Amino acid sequence: MSESKEPQQPNSSLDPTRRDFLTLTACAVGAVGVGAAALPFVNSMNPAADVLALASVDVETKDIPVGAGKTVLWRGKPVFIRHRSDDEIKAASQASIKSLPDPQTDQERFSKDPKWLVVIGVCTHLGCVPNEKKNPEKPAEATGWLCPCHGSVYDLSGRILSGPAPKNLEIPPYQFVNNGSVIRIG
């Protein structure tokens, strides 16, 4: 008897090379879809435009005469900028740091340019804004800052002299640009 050979029916499953192609294509489309969905989420973590606008502040130094100061806002905090006179620098550098609660020399605090004091004007005790402290004998001269809430006293280097504040006034990141004619805070 002769055996008849029946033609083989094509396998109902897909060809292996075609299956691999479809799998890779589906994975690629899925990865692009996940990336497209994740991009707005990741982008939402970037700082908002109003925050970026406050990220740095430029202050013209020519607008501040010797012995005077200016207060600017940086990231919602007051920053005291003072153009110190030679007498103020001398007094700040001669202060005895042994008696200070947070000992720091004036040179350590303002080595970039001792003529310019740049400190965040927020009391390190409870976050109040200190007022400029005047010399009673010479009302035109300042001697530092006084926190009206709890009586912390800071000198013209922003160092704590007395009161409940534990630390000196904080120094923000700043630099001099345009040949020293501008102080950039932030």
C-alpha atoms as a PDB file:
ATOM      1  CA  MET A   1       0.000   0.000   0.000  1.00  0.00           C
ATOM      2  CA  SER A   2       1.211   3.261  -0.763  1.00  0.00           C
ATOM      3  CA  GLU A   3       1.268   5.879   1.804  1.00  0.00           C
ATOM      4  CA  SER A   4      -0.156   9.096   0.720  1.00  0.00           C
ATOM      5  CA  LYS A   5       1.519  12.208   1.862  1.00  0.00           C
ATOM      6  CA  GLU A   6      -0.850  14.892   2.839  1.00  0.00           C
ATOM      7  CA  PRO A   7       0.320  18.409   2.453  1.00  0.00           C
ATOM      8  CA  GLN A   8       1.055  19.941   5.837  1.00  0.00           C
ATOM      9  CA  GLN A   9      -1.154  22.711   6.943  1.00  0.00           C
ATOM     10  CA  PRO A  10       0.547  25.947   7.881  1.00  0.00           C
ATOM     11  CA  ASN A  11       0.967  26.350  11.602  1.00  0.00           C
ATOM     12  CA  SER A  12      -1.708  28.577  13.022  1.00  0.00           C
ATOM     13  CA  SER A  13       0.837  30.393  15.170  1.00  0.00           C
ATOM     14  CA  LEU A  14       2.838  33.258  13.749  1.00  0.00           C
ATOM     15  CA  ASP A  15       6.196  32.913  12.193  1.00  0.00           C
ATOM     16  CA  PRO A  16       8.919  33.371  14.902  1.00  0.00           C
ATOM     17  CA  THR A  17      10.583  36.288  13.110  1.00  0.00           C
ATOM     18  CA  ARG A  18       7.262  38.058  12.678  1.00  0.00           C
ATOM     19  CA  ARG A  19       6.391  37.460  16.348  1.00  0.00           C
ATOM     20  CA  ASP A  20       9.703  39.015  17.461  1.00  0.00           C
ATOM     21  CA  PHE A  21       9.100  42.023  15.232  1.00  0.00           C
ATOM     22  CA  LEU A  22       5.601  42.579  16.648  1.00  0.00           C
ATOM     23  CA  THR A  23       6.873  42.205  20.240  1.00  0.00           C
ATOM     24  CA  LEU A  24       9.656  44.729  19.718  1.00  0.00           C
ATOM     25  CA  THR A  25       7.307  47.166  17.996  1.00  0.00           C
ATOM     26  CA  ALA A  26       4.741  46.924  20.803  1.00  0.00           C
ATOM     27  CA  CYS A  27       7.451  47.446  23.441  1.00  0.00           C
ATOM     28  CA  ALA A  28       8.849  50.464  21.569  1.00  0.00           C
ATOM     29  CA  VAL A  29       5.407  52.071  21.244  1.00  0.00           C
ATOM     30  CA  GLY A  30       4.745  51.377  24.931  1.00  0.00           C
ATOM     31  CA  ALA A  31       8.073  52.938  25.964  1.00  0.00           C
ATOM     32  CA  VAL A  32       7.361  56.057  23.909  1.00  0.00           C
ATOM     33  CA  GLY A  33       3.897  56.267  25.467  1.00  0.00           C
ATOM     34  CA  VAL A  34       5.267  55.956  29.007  1.00  0.00           C
ATOM     35  CA  GLY A  35       7.910  58.586  28.225  1.00  0.00           C
ATOM     36  CA  ALA A  36       5.320  60.965  26.793  1.00  0.00           C
ATOM     37  CA  ALA A  37       3.125  60.513  29.879  1.00  0.00           C
ATOM     38  CA  ALA A  38       6.046  60.918  32.310  1.00  0.00           C
ATOM     39  CA  LEU A  39       7.465  64.099  30.724  1.00  0.00           C
ATOM     40  CA  PRO A  40       4.764  66.463  32.061  1.00  0.00           C
ATOM     41  CA  PHE A  41       5.032  64.847  35.479  1.00  0.00           C
ATOM     42  CA  VAL A  42       8.813  65.325  35.628  1.00  0.00           C
ATOM     43  CA  ASN A  43       8.484  68.844  34.204  1.00  0.00           C
ATOM     44  CA  SER A  44       6.040  69.739  36.992  1.00  0.00           C
ATOM     45  CA  MET A  45       8.877  69.270  39.500  1.00  0.00           C
ATOM     46  CA  ASN A  46      10.897  72.129  37.958  1.00  0.00           C
ATOM     47  CA  PRO A  47      10.746  75.501  39.748  1.00  0.00           C
ATOM     48  CA  ALA A  48       7.945  77.801  38.688  1.00  0.00           C
ATOM     49  CA  ALA A  49       8.680  80.985  36.731  1.00  0.00           C
ATOM     50  CA  ASP A  50       8.021  83.221  39.753  1.00  0.00           C
ATOM     51  CA  VAL A  51      10.529  81.233  41.818  1.00  0.00           C
ATOM     52  CA  LEU A  52      13.147  81.418  39.079  1.00  0.00           C
ATOM     53  CA  ALA A  53      12.621  85.164  38.872  1.00  0.00           C
ATOM     54  CA  LEU A  54      13.551  85.451  42.558  1.00  0.00           C
ATOM     55  CA  ALA A  55      16.491  83.060  42.293  1.00  0.00           C
ATOM     56  CA  SER A  56      18.976  85.900  41.986  1.00  0.00           C
ATOM     57  CA  VAL A  57      18.856  89.636  42.604  1.00  0.00           C
ATOM     58  CA  ASP A  58      21.264  92.214  41.217  1.00  0.00           C
ATOM     59  CA  VAL A  59      21.979  95.303  43.332  1.00  0.00           C
ATOM     60  CA  GLU A  60      23.846  98.341  41.985  1.00  0.00           C
ATOM     61  CA  THR A  61      26.647  99.249  44.395  1.00  0.00           C
ATOM     62  CA  LYS A  62      26.896 102.862  43.169  1.00  0.00           C
ATOM     63  CA  ASP A  63      23.412 103.518  44.623  1.00  0.00           C
ATOM     64  CA  ILE A  64      24.650 102.863  48.194  1.00  0.00           C
ATOM     65  CA  PRO A  65      26.897 105.605  49.674  1.00  0.00           C
ATOM     66  CA  VAL A  66      29.605 104.802  52.240  1.00  0.00           C
ATOM     67  CA  GLY A  67      28.103 104.357  55.698  1.00  0.00           C
ATOM     68  CA  ALA A  68      24.631 103.610  54.347  1.00  0.00           C
ATOM     69  CA  GLY A  69      22.678 100.451  53.693  1.00  0.00           C
ATOM     70  CA  LYS A  70      19.916  99.050  51.562  1.00  0.00           C
ATOM     71  CA  THR A  71      17.442  96.239  52.092  1.00  0.00           C
ATOM     72  CA  VAL A  72      16.394  94.062  49.152  1.00  0.00           C
ATOM     73  CA  LEU A  73      14.174  90.989  48.935  1.00  0.00           C
ATOM     74  CA  TRP A  74      15.714  87.695  47.856  1.00  0.00           C
ATOM     75  CA  ARG A  75      13.563  84.536  47.882  1.00  0.00           C
ATOM     76  CA  GLY A  76      11.071  86.331  50.090  1.00  0.00           C
ATOM     77  CA  LYS A  77      13.670  87.222  52.734  1.00  0.00           C
ATOM     78  CA  PRO A  78      15.131  90.650  53.475  1.00  0.00           C
ATOM     79  CA  VAL A  79      18.832  90.993  52.711  1.00  0.00           C
ATOM     80  CA  PHE A  80      20.782  93.792  54.362  1.00  0.00           C
ATOM     81  CA  ILE A  81      23.500  95.296  52.174  1.00  0.00           C
ATOM     82  CA  ARG A  82      25.725  97.896  53.775  1.00  0.00           C
ATOM     83  CA  HIS A  83      28.591  99.901  52.316  1.00  0.00           C
ATOM     84  CA  ARG A  84      30.770  99.997  55.401  1.00  0.00           C
ATOM     85  CA  SER A  85      33.113 102.867  56.152  1.00  0.00           C
ATOM     86  CA  ASP A  86      36.738 102.320  57.133  1.00  0.00           C
ATOM     87  CA  ASP A  87      35.834 103.082  60.761  1.00  0.00           C
ATOM     88  CA  GLU A  88      33.047 100.466  60.703  1.00  0.00           C
ATOM     89  CA  ILE A  89      35.387  97.859  59.204  1.00  0.00           C
ATOM     90  CA  LYS A  90      38.052  98.694  61.785  1.00  0.00           C
ATOM     91  CA  ALA A  91      35.557  98.449  64.672  1.00  0.00           C
ATOM     92  CA  ALA A  92      34.211  95.124  63.371  1.00  0.00           C
ATOM     93  CA  SER A  93      37.674  93.636  62.913  1.00  0.00           C
ATOM     94  CA  GLN A  94      38.849  94.745  66.381  1.00  0.00           C
ATOM     95  CA  ALA A  95      35.905  93.206  68.249  1.00  0.00           C
ATOM     96  CA  SER A  96      36.856  90.494  70.723  1.00  0.00           C
ATOM     97  CA  ILE A  97      35.514  87.269  69.279  1.00  0.00           C
ATOM     98  CA  LYS A  98      36.104  85.354  72.519  1.00  0.00           C
ATOM     99  CA  SER A  99      33.035  86.955  74.079  1.00  0.00           C
ATOM    100  CA  LEU A 100      30.743  86.280  71.102  1.00  0.00           C
ATOM    101  CA  PRO A 101      28.160  83.457  71.289  1.00  0.00           C
ATOM    102  CA  ASP A 102      28.990  82.443  67.671  1.00  0.00           C
ATOM    103  CA  PRO A 103      32.660  83.428  67.273  1.00  0.00           C
ATOM    104  CA  GLN A 104      33.640  84.463  63.749  1.00  0.00           C
ATOM    105  CA  THR A 105      36.056  87.144  62.657  1.00  0.00           C
ATOM    106  CA  ASP A 106      34.925  89.900  60.333  1.00  0.00           C
ATOM    107  CA  GLN A 107      37.470  88.720  57.782  1.00  0.00           C
ATOM    108  CA  GLU A 108      36.013  85.182  57.807  1.00  0.00           C
ATOM    109  CA  ARG A 109      32.577  86.598  57.117  1.00  0.00           C
ATOM    110  CA  PHE A 110      33.459  89.123  54.400  1.00  0.00           C
ATOM    111  CA  SER A 111      36.700  88.101  52.768  1.00  0.00           C
ATOM    112  CA  LYS A 112      35.402  88.908  49.248  1.00  0.00           C
ATOM    113  CA  ASP A 113      35.336  92.639  49.926  1.00  0.00           C
ATOM    114  CA  PRO A 114      35.224  93.940  53.513  1.00  0.00           C
ATOM    115  CA  LYS A 115      33.594  97.200  52.374  1.00  0.00           C
ATOM    116  CA  TRP A 116      30.367  95.352  51.625  1.00  0.00           C
ATOM    117  CA  LEU A 117      28.284  93.606  54.247  1.00  0.00           C
ATOM    118  CA  VAL A 118      25.676  91.240  52.772  1.00  0.00           C
ATOM    119  CA  VAL A 119      23.542  89.299  55.283  1.00  0.00           C
ATOM    120  CA  ILE A 120      20.066  87.797  55.382  1.00  0.00           C
ATOM    121  CA  GLY A 121      18.072  90.089  57.655  1.00  0.00           C
ATOM    122  CA  VAL A 122      16.272  87.375  59.604  1.00  0.00           C
ATOM    123  CA  CYS A 123      16.985  86.893  63.314  1.00  0.00           C
ATOM    124  CA  THR A 124      18.391  83.446  63.967  1.00  0.00           C
ATOM    125  CA  HIS A 125      16.287  83.113  67.126  1.00  0.00           C
ATOM    126  CA  LEU A 126      12.690  83.056  65.880  1.00  0.00           C
ATOM    127  CA  GLY A 127      12.850  84.566  62.393  1.00  0.00           C
ATOM    128  CA  CYS A 128      11.985  88.210  63.147  1.00  0.00           C
ATOM    129  CA  VAL A 129      13.421  91.037  61.040  1.00  0.00           C
ATOM    130  CA  PRO A 130      15.897  93.134  63.053  1.00  0.00           C
ATOM    131  CA  ASN A 131      15.869  96.935  62.859  1.00  0.00           C
ATOM    132  CA  GLU A 132      18.930  99.051  62.248  1.00  0.00           C
ATOM    133  CA  LYS A 133      20.448 100.067  65.577  1.00  0.00           C
ATOM    134  CA  LYS A 134      21.560 103.703  65.719  1.00  0.00           C
ATOM    135  CA  ASN A 135      24.329 105.300  67.728  1.00  0.00           C
ATOM    136  CA  PRO A 136      22.548 107.525  70.295  1.00  0.00           C
ATOM    137  CA  GLU A 137      25.386 110.068  70.254  1.00  0.00           C
ATOM    138  CA  LYS A 138      25.502 110.245  66.451  1.00  0.00           C
ATOM    139  CA  PRO A 139      22.036 109.365  65.088  1.00  0.00           C
ATOM    140  CA  ALA A 140      23.297 109.297  61.500  1.00  0.00           C
ATOM    141  CA  GLU A 141      25.563 106.332  62.316  1.00  0.00           C
ATOM    142  CA  ALA A 142      24.409 102.750  62.648  1.00  0.00           C
ATOM    143  CA  THR A 143      26.007 100.355  65.107  1.00  0.00           C
ATOM    144  CA  GLY A 144      24.305  97.159  63.982  1.00  0.00           C
ATOM    145  CA  TRP A 145      20.853  95.637  64.261  1.00  0.00           C
ATOM    146  CA  LEU A 146      18.419  95.036  67.093  1.00  0.00           C
ATOM    147  CA  CYS A 147      15.669  92.429  66.996  1.00  0.00           C
ATOM    148  CA  PRO A 148      12.641  94.162  68.548  1.00  0.00           C
ATOM    149  CA  CYS A 149      10.872  90.957  69.569  1.00  0.00           C
ATOM    150  CA  HIS A 150      13.355  89.385  71.958  1.00  0.00           C
ATOM    151  CA  GLY A 151      16.268  91.829  72.087  1.00  0.00           C
ATOM    152  CA  SER A 152      18.999  90.084  70.102  1.00  0.00           C
ATOM    153  CA  VAL A 153      21.717  92.566  69.186  1.00  0.00           C
ATOM    154  CA  TYR A 154      23.937  92.173  66.101  1.00  0.00           C
ATOM    155  CA  ASP A 155      27.025  94.228  65.220  1.00  0.00           C
ATOM    156  CA  LEU A 156      27.975  95.730  61.839  1.00  0.00           C
ATOM    157  CA  SER A 157      29.383  92.369  60.828  1.00  0.00           C
ATOM    158  CA  GLY A 158      26.067  90.611  61.505  1.00  0.00           C
ATOM    159  CA  ARG A 159      27.501  88.785  64.510  1.00  0.00           C
ATOM    160  CA  ILE A 160      25.321  88.143  67.547  1.00  0.00           C
ATOM    161  CA  LEU A 161      26.484  90.243  70.511  1.00  0.00           C
ATOM    162  CA  SER A 162      23.749  89.520  73.036  1.00  0.00           C
ATOM    163  CA  GLY A 163      20.259  88.120  73.324  1.00  0.00           C
ATOM    164  CA  PRO A 164      18.674  84.727  72.746  1.00  0.00           C
ATOM    165  CA  ALA A 165      19.770  84.310  69.098  1.00  0.00           C
ATOM    166  CA  PRO A 166      22.153  81.332  68.843  1.00  0.00           C
ATOM    167  CA  LYS A 167      23.939  82.250  65.593  1.00  0.00           C
ATOM    168  CA  ASN A 168      25.185  85.171  63.547  1.00  0.00           C
ATOM    169  CA  LEU A 169      23.067  86.551  60.715  1.00  0.00           C
ATOM    170  CA  GLU A 170      23.339  84.215  57.745  1.00  0.00           C
ATOM    171  CA  ILE A 171      25.362  85.224  54.681  1.00  0.00           C
ATOM    172  CA  PRO A 172      23.624  84.425  51.373  1.00  0.00           C
ATOM    173  CA  PRO A 173      25.577  83.256  48.343  1.00  0.00           C
ATOM    174  CA  TYR A 174      26.662  86.398  46.517  1.00  0.00           C
ATOM    175  CA  GLN A 175      29.270  87.594  44.074  1.00  0.00           C
ATOM    176  CA  PHE A 176      30.483  90.826  42.547  1.00  0.00           C
ATOM    177  CA  VAL A 177      29.833  91.246  38.816  1.00  0.00           C
ATOM    178  CA  ASN A 178      30.527  94.015  36.277  1.00  0.00           C
ATOM    179  CA  ASN A 179      33.871  94.904  37.903  1.00  0.00           C
ATOM    180  CA  GLY A 180      32.315  95.220  41.362  1.00  0.00           C
ATOM    181  CA  SER A 181      29.554  97.621  40.323  1.00  0.00           C
ATOM    182  CA  VAL A 182      26.838  95.016  40.957  1.00  0.00           C
ATOM    183  CA  ILE A 183      26.306  92.547  43.788  1.00  0.00           C
ATOM    184  CA  ARG A 184      24.470  89.434  42.567  1.00  0.00           C
ATOM    185  CA  ILE A 185      22.714  87.592  45.390  1.00  0.00           C
ATOM    186  CA  GLY A 186      21.838  83.986  44.682  1.00  0.00           C
END
